[in-house]
Protein backbone atom coordinates (compact mmCIF):
# COMPACT_ATOMS: atom_id res chain seq x y z
CA MET A 1 -109.98 -65.31 55.83
CA THR A 2 -112.69 -63.38 57.58
CA TYR A 3 -114.71 -62.77 54.40
CA GLN A 4 -115.73 -66.44 54.50
CA ASN A 5 -117.94 -65.62 57.48
CA TYR A 6 -120.08 -63.38 55.27
CA SER A 7 -122.66 -64.23 52.64
CA LEU A 8 -122.56 -62.66 49.18
CA LYS A 9 -125.50 -60.44 50.09
CA GLN A 10 -123.79 -59.25 53.27
CA LEU A 11 -120.56 -58.43 51.39
CA GLN A 12 -122.55 -56.56 48.75
CA GLN A 13 -124.38 -54.55 51.41
CA ILE A 14 -121.14 -53.59 53.16
CA ASP A 15 -119.56 -52.76 49.79
CA ALA A 16 -122.47 -50.50 48.91
CA ALA A 17 -122.42 -48.83 52.32
CA HIS A 18 -118.73 -47.94 52.43
CA HIS A 19 -116.77 -48.60 49.22
CA LEU A 20 -116.58 -46.09 46.37
CA HIS A 21 -115.40 -47.95 43.25
CA PRO A 22 -113.32 -46.40 40.43
CA PHE A 23 -115.01 -45.47 37.13
CA THR A 24 -118.44 -46.52 38.41
CA ASP A 25 -122.02 -45.32 38.35
CA HIS A 26 -122.51 -45.80 42.07
CA LYS A 27 -126.28 -45.73 41.99
CA GLU A 28 -126.34 -48.41 39.31
CA LEU A 29 -123.82 -50.56 41.20
CA ARG A 30 -125.80 -50.38 44.41
CA GLU A 31 -128.94 -51.46 42.62
CA ALA A 32 -127.25 -54.43 40.94
CA GLY A 33 -124.73 -55.44 43.60
CA SER A 34 -121.03 -56.00 42.99
CA ARG A 35 -119.50 -59.26 41.83
CA ILE A 36 -117.17 -60.45 44.58
CA ILE A 37 -114.00 -62.11 43.27
CA THR A 38 -112.54 -64.29 46.02
CA ARG A 39 -109.63 -66.23 44.48
CA ALA A 40 -107.72 -66.89 41.28
CA ASP A 41 -105.38 -69.47 39.80
CA GLY A 42 -103.44 -69.48 36.55
CA PRO A 43 -105.63 -67.86 33.87
CA PHE A 44 -108.88 -68.14 35.89
CA ILE A 45 -110.66 -66.02 38.50
CA TYR A 46 -113.40 -67.31 40.81
CA ASP A 47 -116.27 -65.41 42.39
CA SER A 48 -117.92 -65.88 45.77
CA GLU A 49 -120.46 -68.25 44.25
CA GLY A 50 -117.75 -70.55 42.87
CA SER A 51 -118.09 -69.53 39.21
CA GLU A 52 -114.89 -70.08 37.21
CA ILE A 53 -114.20 -67.24 34.75
CA LEU A 54 -111.43 -67.13 32.16
CA ASP A 55 -109.78 -63.76 32.69
CA GLY A 56 -109.47 -62.05 29.31
CA MET A 57 -108.19 -58.81 30.85
CA ALA A 58 -105.29 -60.02 33.06
CA GLY A 59 -106.96 -58.26 35.96
CA LEU A 60 -106.67 -54.77 34.50
CA TRP A 61 -104.04 -55.23 31.80
CA CYS A 62 -101.51 -56.33 34.41
CA VAL A 63 -101.40 -59.96 35.60
CA ASN A 64 -98.98 -61.08 32.87
CA VAL A 65 -97.64 -64.16 34.66
CA GLY A 66 -101.08 -65.31 35.78
CA TYR A 67 -102.48 -65.89 39.24
CA GLY A 68 -101.27 -68.03 42.13
CA ARG A 69 -97.52 -67.50 41.73
CA ASP A 70 -96.00 -68.63 45.03
CA GLU A 71 -92.61 -67.18 44.02
CA LEU A 72 -94.04 -63.68 44.03
CA ALA A 73 -95.73 -64.14 47.40
CA ASP A 74 -92.51 -65.60 48.80
CA ALA A 75 -90.46 -62.68 47.44
CA ALA A 76 -92.80 -60.21 49.13
CA TYR A 77 -92.75 -62.15 52.42
CA ALA A 78 -88.96 -62.46 52.50
CA GLN A 79 -88.53 -58.73 51.85
CA MET A 80 -91.13 -57.81 54.46
CA LYS A 81 -89.28 -59.89 57.02
CA GLU A 82 -85.94 -58.28 56.20
CA LEU A 83 -86.99 -54.69 55.49
CA PRO A 84 -90.69 -53.97 54.95
CA TYR A 85 -90.16 -50.31 54.17
CA TYR A 86 -87.72 -47.50 53.99
CA ASN A 87 -87.91 -44.38 51.85
CA SER A 88 -85.73 -43.12 49.02
CA PHE A 89 -85.47 -39.59 50.46
CA PHE A 90 -82.62 -38.21 52.59
CA LYS A 91 -79.93 -39.59 50.24
CA CYS A 92 -81.02 -43.15 51.14
CA SER A 93 -81.80 -46.20 49.08
CA THR A 94 -82.52 -49.88 49.63
CA PRO A 95 -81.17 -52.86 47.66
CA THR A 96 -84.24 -53.89 45.67
CA PRO A 97 -84.91 -50.58 43.81
CA VAL A 98 -81.17 -50.36 43.11
CA LEU A 99 -81.12 -53.81 41.50
CA LEU A 100 -84.45 -53.32 39.76
CA SER A 101 -83.22 -50.08 38.20
CA LYS A 102 -80.21 -51.92 36.76
CA LYS A 103 -82.47 -54.64 35.35
CA LEU A 104 -84.89 -52.17 33.80
CA ALA A 105 -82.02 -50.25 32.18
CA GLU A 106 -80.91 -53.54 30.59
CA LEU A 107 -84.38 -54.27 29.20
CA ALA A 108 -85.36 -50.73 28.19
CA PRO A 109 -85.19 -49.20 24.71
CA LYS A 110 -81.86 -47.76 23.67
CA HIS A 111 -80.60 -44.64 25.45
CA VAL A 112 -83.05 -45.07 28.32
CA GLY A 113 -81.12 -45.79 31.49
CA GLN A 114 -82.62 -44.07 34.57
CA VAL A 115 -85.73 -44.91 36.61
CA PHE A 116 -88.10 -42.91 38.84
CA TYR A 117 -90.54 -44.97 40.93
CA GLY A 118 -94.12 -44.47 42.01
CA SER A 119 -97.10 -46.68 42.77
CA SER A 120 -99.28 -46.29 39.69
CA GLY A 121 -99.23 -45.39 36.02
CA SER A 122 -101.10 -42.19 36.86
CA GLU A 123 -98.34 -41.16 39.25
CA ALA A 124 -95.71 -42.03 36.66
CA ASN A 125 -97.38 -39.81 34.08
CA ASP A 126 -97.58 -36.97 36.61
CA THR A 127 -93.83 -37.43 37.08
CA ALA A 128 -93.21 -37.51 33.34
CA LEU A 129 -95.12 -34.26 32.79
CA ARG A 130 -93.23 -32.49 35.58
CA LEU A 131 -89.88 -33.88 34.49
CA VAL A 132 -90.27 -32.90 30.83
CA ARG A 133 -91.26 -29.34 31.67
CA HIS A 134 -88.48 -29.14 34.26
CA TYR A 135 -85.98 -30.37 31.64
CA TRP A 136 -86.81 -27.54 29.24
CA ALA A 137 -86.64 -24.99 32.08
CA LEU A 138 -83.17 -26.29 32.97
CA GLU A 139 -82.21 -25.92 29.31
CA GLY A 140 -83.20 -22.24 29.49
CA LYS A 141 -86.46 -22.68 27.58
CA PRO A 142 -89.26 -22.54 30.19
CA GLU A 143 -91.71 -21.35 27.53
CA LYS A 144 -91.29 -24.71 25.77
CA ASN A 145 -93.97 -26.36 27.90
CA ARG A 146 -96.86 -27.41 25.65
CA ILE A 147 -97.66 -31.11 25.50
CA ILE A 148 -99.35 -32.65 22.46
CA SER A 149 -101.50 -35.71 23.17
CA ARG A 150 -104.32 -37.48 21.34
CA LYS A 151 -108.08 -37.66 21.48
CA MET A 152 -109.25 -40.82 23.30
CA GLY A 153 -105.77 -41.35 24.73
CA TYR A 154 -105.64 -42.52 28.33
CA HIS A 155 -102.85 -41.49 30.67
CA GLY A 156 -104.38 -42.03 34.10
CA SER A 157 -106.99 -40.45 36.31
CA THR A 158 -105.08 -37.97 38.45
CA ILE A 159 -105.53 -34.30 37.49
CA ALA A 160 -102.39 -34.39 35.35
CA GLY A 161 -103.17 -37.84 33.95
CA THR A 162 -106.71 -36.81 33.04
CA SER A 163 -105.38 -33.64 31.43
CA LEU A 164 -102.81 -35.53 29.38
CA GLY A 165 -105.44 -38.02 28.27
CA GLY A 166 -108.01 -37.29 25.63
CA MET A 167 -111.21 -38.58 27.24
CA GLU A 168 -113.76 -35.75 26.98
CA PRO A 169 -116.12 -36.99 29.72
CA MET A 170 -113.18 -37.05 32.14
CA HIS A 171 -112.19 -33.49 31.10
CA LYS A 172 -115.72 -32.26 31.62
CA GLN A 173 -116.00 -33.80 35.05
CA LEU A 174 -112.57 -32.45 36.05
CA GLY A 175 -113.78 -28.91 35.50
CA GLY A 176 -110.37 -27.46 34.81
CA ALA A 177 -107.42 -29.27 33.25
CA VAL A 178 -103.69 -28.66 33.52
CA PRO A 179 -102.98 -25.90 30.96
CA ASN A 180 -100.97 -26.12 27.74
CA ILE A 181 -102.02 -29.64 26.74
CA VAL A 182 -103.63 -30.09 23.34
CA HIS A 183 -105.12 -33.18 21.67
CA VAL A 184 -104.94 -34.31 18.05
CA MET A 185 -106.54 -37.12 16.05
CA MET A 186 -105.96 -40.73 17.00
CA PRO A 187 -104.50 -43.24 14.49
CA TYR A 188 -107.68 -45.34 14.16
CA ALA A 189 -108.09 -46.38 10.55
CA TYR A 190 -111.40 -48.28 10.96
CA GLU A 191 -113.32 -45.06 11.58
CA LEU A 192 -111.00 -42.29 10.38
CA ALA A 193 -109.37 -43.54 7.16
CA LEU A 194 -110.56 -41.91 3.96
CA PRO A 195 -112.20 -44.05 1.24
CA GLY A 196 -109.45 -45.95 -0.55
CA GLU A 197 -106.71 -44.67 1.77
CA SER A 198 -104.05 -47.29 2.48
CA ASP A 199 -102.95 -48.11 6.04
CA HIS A 200 -99.54 -46.62 5.24
CA ASP A 201 -100.96 -43.35 3.98
CA PHE A 202 -103.40 -43.11 6.86
CA GLY A 203 -100.54 -43.55 9.33
CA ILE A 204 -98.61 -40.72 7.69
CA ARG A 205 -101.70 -38.48 7.73
CA ALA A 206 -102.38 -39.23 11.41
CA ALA A 207 -98.76 -38.39 12.23
CA LYS A 208 -99.06 -35.14 10.31
CA ALA A 209 -101.68 -34.04 12.85
CA VAL A 210 -98.84 -33.97 15.38
CA GLU A 211 -96.74 -31.82 13.08
CA ASP A 212 -99.65 -29.48 12.42
CA ALA A 213 -100.11 -28.97 16.18
CA ILE A 214 -96.40 -28.21 16.59
CA LEU A 215 -96.50 -25.66 13.78
CA GLU A 216 -99.67 -24.05 15.11
CA ALA A 217 -98.13 -23.50 18.54
CA GLY A 218 -94.60 -22.87 17.31
CA ALA A 219 -91.85 -25.44 17.89
CA ASP A 220 -90.26 -23.16 20.48
CA LYS A 221 -93.39 -23.63 22.61
CA VAL A 222 -93.82 -27.43 22.36
CA ALA A 223 -92.11 -29.59 24.97
CA ALA A 224 -93.21 -33.10 24.00
CA PHE A 225 -95.64 -35.44 22.35
CA ILE A 226 -97.14 -38.21 24.50
CA GLY A 227 -98.91 -41.30 23.27
CA GLU A 228 -99.64 -44.93 24.01
CA PRO A 229 -97.92 -47.10 21.38
CA VAL A 230 -101.27 -48.92 21.19
CA MET A 231 -104.20 -47.00 22.65
CA GLY A 232 -105.50 -49.32 25.38
CA ALA A 233 -108.44 -47.98 27.38
CA GLY A 234 -109.57 -46.10 24.26
CA GLY A 235 -110.28 -49.41 22.57
CA VAL A 236 -107.01 -51.17 21.58
CA LYS A 237 -106.47 -48.89 18.62
CA ILE A 238 -103.39 -50.15 16.77
CA PRO A 239 -101.64 -47.63 14.52
CA PRO A 240 -100.31 -48.52 11.07
CA MET A 241 -96.61 -49.38 11.09
CA SER A 242 -95.93 -46.11 9.28
CA TYR A 243 -97.23 -44.00 12.15
CA TRP A 244 -94.66 -44.15 14.94
CA PRO A 245 -91.51 -43.79 12.80
CA GLU A 246 -93.09 -40.71 11.22
CA VAL A 247 -94.04 -39.27 14.61
CA GLN A 248 -90.46 -39.81 15.76
CA ARG A 249 -89.11 -38.09 12.65
CA ILE A 250 -91.38 -35.12 13.26
CA CYS A 251 -90.41 -34.85 16.94
CA ARG A 252 -86.72 -34.90 16.08
CA LYS A 253 -87.18 -32.35 13.30
CA TYR A 254 -88.71 -29.81 15.70
CA ASP A 255 -86.70 -30.79 18.81
CA VAL A 256 -89.79 -32.10 20.61
CA LEU A 257 -89.39 -34.84 23.20
CA LEU A 258 -91.14 -38.18 22.64
CA MET A 259 -93.00 -39.61 25.65
CA LEU A 260 -94.38 -43.14 25.43
CA ASP A 261 -97.04 -44.37 27.84
CA GLU A 262 -96.38 -48.10 28.12
CA VAL A 263 -98.39 -48.70 31.26
CA ILE A 264 -100.41 -51.26 29.29
CA THR A 265 -97.99 -52.36 26.56
CA GLY A 266 -94.86 -52.80 28.66
CA TYR A 267 -93.30 -56.08 29.78
CA GLY A 268 -94.18 -58.39 26.93
CA ARG A 269 -97.70 -57.48 25.86
CA THR A 270 -96.82 -56.82 22.20
CA GLY A 271 -94.23 -59.58 21.84
CA GLU A 272 -91.27 -57.41 22.86
CA TRP A 273 -90.32 -56.17 26.31
CA PHE A 274 -91.62 -52.75 25.26
CA ALA A 275 -93.79 -51.65 22.35
CA ALA A 276 -91.13 -49.05 21.56
CA GLN A 277 -89.12 -52.01 20.33
CA THR A 278 -92.10 -53.40 18.41
CA PHE A 279 -92.54 -50.10 16.55
CA ASP A 280 -88.79 -49.31 16.39
CA VAL A 281 -88.84 -45.93 18.11
CA GLU A 282 -86.43 -44.39 20.65
CA PRO A 283 -88.42 -42.45 23.27
CA ASP A 284 -87.20 -39.90 25.79
CA THR A 285 -89.47 -41.21 28.54
CA VAL A 286 -91.35 -44.49 28.97
CA THR A 287 -94.13 -44.70 31.55
CA THR A 288 -94.60 -48.21 32.94
CA ALA A 289 -96.54 -49.89 35.76
CA LYS A 290 -99.13 -52.72 35.86
CA ALA A 291 -97.25 -55.77 34.48
CA LEU A 292 -94.00 -54.65 36.12
CA THR A 293 -95.16 -56.70 39.13
CA SER A 294 -97.97 -58.55 37.32
CA GLY A 295 -100.26 -56.63 39.66
CA TYR A 296 -99.06 -58.49 42.76
CA GLN A 297 -97.84 -55.18 44.22
CA PRO A 298 -98.56 -51.56 43.21
CA LEU A 299 -95.47 -50.16 41.48
CA SER A 300 -94.69 -47.83 38.59
CA ALA A 301 -91.42 -47.02 36.91
CA LEU A 302 -90.83 -43.99 34.71
CA LEU A 303 -87.91 -44.89 32.46
CA VAL A 304 -85.97 -41.74 31.61
CA GLY A 305 -83.79 -41.26 28.55
CA ASP A 306 -80.15 -40.22 28.68
CA ARG A 307 -80.81 -36.75 27.25
CA ILE A 308 -83.15 -35.76 30.07
CA SER A 309 -81.27 -37.52 32.87
CA LYS A 310 -77.95 -35.94 31.91
CA THR A 311 -79.43 -32.44 32.15
CA LEU A 312 -81.23 -33.29 35.41
CA VAL A 313 -77.98 -34.47 36.98
CA GLU A 314 -75.66 -31.77 35.64
CA LYS A 315 -77.92 -28.70 35.79
CA GLY A 316 -80.84 -29.68 37.98
CA GLY A 317 -80.17 -29.08 41.62
CA GLU A 318 -83.04 -30.48 43.68
CA PHE A 319 -86.02 -31.96 41.81
CA TYR A 320 -88.95 -31.14 44.07
CA HIS A 321 -90.95 -34.25 43.40
CA GLY A 322 -91.44 -37.72 44.84
CA TYR A 323 -93.72 -40.08 46.71
CA THR A 324 -93.64 -41.80 50.09
CA TYR A 325 -93.59 -45.15 48.32
CA SER A 326 -91.10 -44.27 45.55
CA GLY A 327 -88.91 -47.38 45.25
CA HIS A 328 -90.86 -49.37 47.86
CA PRO A 329 -88.55 -52.30 48.74
CA VAL A 330 -91.28 -54.96 48.83
CA ALA A 331 -92.84 -53.89 45.53
CA CYS A 332 -89.39 -53.78 43.90
CA ALA A 333 -88.57 -57.26 45.24
CA VAL A 334 -91.75 -58.60 43.65
CA ALA A 335 -90.94 -56.81 40.37
CA LEU A 336 -87.49 -58.40 40.24
CA LYS A 337 -88.95 -61.88 40.73
CA ASN A 338 -91.73 -61.17 38.23
CA LEU A 339 -89.24 -60.14 35.54
CA GLU A 340 -87.21 -63.25 36.35
CA ILE A 341 -90.29 -65.42 35.74
CA ILE A 342 -91.09 -63.71 32.45
CA GLU A 343 -87.53 -64.28 31.26
CA ARG A 344 -87.19 -67.84 32.57
CA GLU A 345 -90.45 -68.99 30.99
CA GLY A 346 -89.80 -67.15 27.73
CA LEU A 347 -93.18 -65.40 27.85
CA VAL A 348 -92.13 -62.49 25.65
CA GLU A 349 -90.84 -64.84 22.95
CA ARG A 350 -93.94 -67.04 23.29
CA VAL A 351 -96.19 -64.05 22.60
CA ARG A 352 -94.05 -62.93 19.66
CA ASN A 353 -93.61 -66.30 17.98
CA ASP A 354 -96.54 -68.49 19.05
CA THR A 355 -99.54 -67.26 21.00
CA GLY A 356 -99.65 -63.76 19.51
CA PRO A 357 -99.88 -64.98 15.89
CA TYR A 358 -102.29 -67.74 16.91
CA PHE A 359 -104.46 -65.24 18.80
CA ALA A 360 -104.66 -63.03 15.69
CA GLN A 361 -105.53 -65.99 13.48
CA ALA A 362 -108.18 -67.27 15.87
CA LEU A 363 -109.91 -63.90 16.09
CA GLN A 364 -109.95 -63.58 12.31
CA GLU A 365 -111.18 -67.11 11.63
CA ARG A 366 -113.68 -67.56 14.47
CA ILE A 367 -114.89 -64.10 15.49
CA ALA A 368 -114.48 -61.64 12.59
CA GLY A 369 -117.25 -63.21 10.48
CA HIS A 370 -119.96 -62.82 13.12
CA ARG A 371 -122.86 -60.55 12.13
CA LEU A 372 -122.26 -58.28 15.13
CA VAL A 373 -118.55 -57.81 14.39
CA GLY A 374 -117.33 -54.96 12.21
CA GLU A 375 -113.63 -55.58 12.75
CA VAL A 376 -111.22 -57.58 14.87
CA ARG A 377 -107.64 -56.46 15.41
CA SER A 378 -104.77 -57.54 17.60
CA ILE A 379 -101.09 -57.15 18.32
CA GLY A 380 -99.33 -59.64 20.54
CA LEU A 381 -101.80 -60.66 23.24
CA MET A 382 -103.92 -57.54 22.99
CA GLY A 383 -107.07 -57.47 20.90
CA ALA A 384 -110.34 -55.72 20.10
CA ILE A 385 -113.71 -56.65 18.64
CA GLU A 386 -115.83 -53.85 17.17
CA ILE A 387 -119.56 -54.33 17.75
CA VAL A 388 -121.78 -53.04 14.93
CA LYS A 389 -125.39 -53.22 13.87
CA ASP A 390 -124.49 -53.44 10.18
CA LYS A 391 -121.15 -54.82 8.99
CA ALA A 392 -121.31 -53.18 5.58
CA THR A 393 -122.09 -49.63 6.70
CA LYS A 394 -120.38 -49.81 10.14
CA GLU A 395 -123.62 -48.52 11.68
CA ARG A 396 -123.64 -48.86 15.46
CA PHE A 397 -126.42 -49.73 17.86
CA LEU A 398 -127.96 -46.83 19.79
CA PRO A 399 -127.39 -45.54 22.33
CA SER A 400 -123.65 -45.63 21.79
CA GLY A 401 -121.89 -48.28 23.85
CA SER A 402 -125.03 -50.10 24.86
CA ALA A 403 -124.49 -53.13 22.62
CA ALA A 404 -121.00 -53.87 23.94
CA VAL A 405 -122.37 -54.00 27.49
CA VAL A 406 -124.85 -56.66 26.38
CA VAL A 407 -122.02 -58.68 24.84
CA ARG A 408 -119.91 -58.25 27.98
CA ASP A 409 -122.65 -59.47 30.29
CA HIS A 410 -123.27 -62.55 28.18
CA ALA A 411 -119.54 -63.24 28.00
CA ILE A 412 -119.20 -63.18 31.79
CA ALA A 413 -122.20 -65.47 32.10
CA GLN A 414 -120.39 -67.86 29.70
CA GLY A 415 -117.29 -67.79 31.89
CA MET A 416 -115.31 -65.20 29.90
CA MET A 417 -114.22 -61.87 31.39
CA LEU A 418 -114.12 -59.17 28.72
CA ARG A 419 -114.19 -55.40 28.98
CA ALA A 420 -116.58 -53.15 27.06
CA THR A 421 -115.20 -49.74 26.06
CA GLY A 422 -117.65 -47.76 23.98
CA ASP A 423 -118.69 -50.10 21.17
CA THR A 424 -115.52 -52.15 21.51
CA MET A 425 -114.84 -55.41 23.32
CA ILE A 426 -111.22 -55.51 24.41
CA LEU A 427 -108.92 -58.34 25.47
CA SER A 428 -105.59 -58.28 27.25
CA PRO A 429 -105.09 -61.75 28.69
CA PRO A 430 -102.26 -63.08 30.86
CA LEU A 431 -99.17 -63.94 28.83
CA ILE A 432 -99.41 -67.52 30.14
CA TRP A 433 -102.34 -68.19 27.79
CA THR A 434 -101.72 -71.15 25.48
CA ARG A 435 -103.34 -72.10 22.18
CA ASP A 436 -105.84 -74.19 24.15
CA THR A 437 -106.74 -71.16 26.29
CA ILE A 438 -107.20 -69.06 23.17
CA ASP A 439 -109.49 -71.73 21.70
CA MET A 440 -111.54 -71.72 24.90
CA ALA A 441 -111.81 -67.93 24.82
CA CYS A 442 -112.97 -67.83 21.19
CA GLU A 443 -115.59 -70.49 21.85
CA ARG A 444 -117.02 -68.53 24.76
CA ILE A 445 -116.85 -65.19 22.94
CA ALA A 446 -118.66 -66.63 19.92
CA LYS A 447 -121.42 -67.99 22.15
CA ALA A 448 -121.74 -64.62 23.90
CA LEU A 449 -122.02 -62.86 20.52
CA ASP A 450 -124.83 -65.23 19.46
CA LEU A 451 -126.75 -64.62 22.65
CA ALA A 452 -126.19 -60.87 22.49
CA GLU A 453 -127.36 -60.70 18.90
CA ALA A 454 -130.62 -62.42 19.83
CA ASP A 455 -131.19 -59.73 22.46
CA LEU A 456 -130.08 -56.78 20.35
CA ARG A 457 -132.11 -57.65 17.26
CA LYS A 458 -135.27 -57.56 19.38
CA ARG A 459 -134.88 -53.82 19.92
């Protein structure tokens, strides 16, 4: 490839001159220079200097089957040769989105049988917002348009996605969110549970915040509640098992739709195909993307429940919404092959029965006792490590978030890619990780924590 004719410094200079990165302090990046990732294989990524790094984030929560899968490249190539593109407008379709829709309906939670395609989770959440409000308008209740979300929730970075999410810095920078979206407390027991409050009781109390918001607005004004089954970008915040069933009960009581954002948790991450199945809830919409293709192609799929789709078909007329790449034939071909690999290799069952439990045990036994660690938590192959200054009091280092960045930088230097979110280190590795890979990760994380502590205690 042509990049091989350039040195690292040259690539960094060109990157700085022309490439605006997502979620980046661009002045800081230009001063430091970007890390150039040039290839990847299995669970590892490699940078331009030849450093091998164990990828603890599956790219960005997405490369579930690992890197270097020839089958996925071959599927894309074969589809490109046959039909590289045609749209889904004008009463047209192509074979791969048709077959993928059938497959997704088979895997989806109960009573969820229709699919609307886009290219990203952000697009899918835009679609979900529009579809839910359109549904209530078709039902003769256009005033039922308020969406309840959660503080620190993440639902993408488009205007609608940012508005649905609960990230205050993103709201502030947006300078004007989509109206009629409100945010309630997140189900994060480590910081929000009352003294002596059980996980079960905390889950019920966190769910009650949803009910309180419905009552405050009036149930006749509330369209839906949206939430990630496990809050991902907000720090892998795992709710008590009492939370989601109670949220579902509340939504049904007040005739409020339940929207699940499974962009991160979908396709095996929690040990089931969808976290809705892990938490035993029946949503009206399920937003998915990322691991649908293991990141080999950009594709999102909004899974739509029977209640909404029936009204859309019978009462809807034209739904004025869609994207040029909705149901892109190449992306859908890759998704079909990706799902085939996940099924054939039993990756969902492996996470549920083997690597997920081992991952949880390893974090507890090898990481939780470290002096910098306030808490570890995990579900399936998705975990978090809380960085604290004092384990007993949960005091954090100041300024907020600075300590996790130190840990992250040491981890990468030790050959372990982690993500720092606030004061939390988060992990979301490829589902191909084995017990040996988990052991390797814990060894490198522990070393990074030791090195970070030596730096942080000097402050």
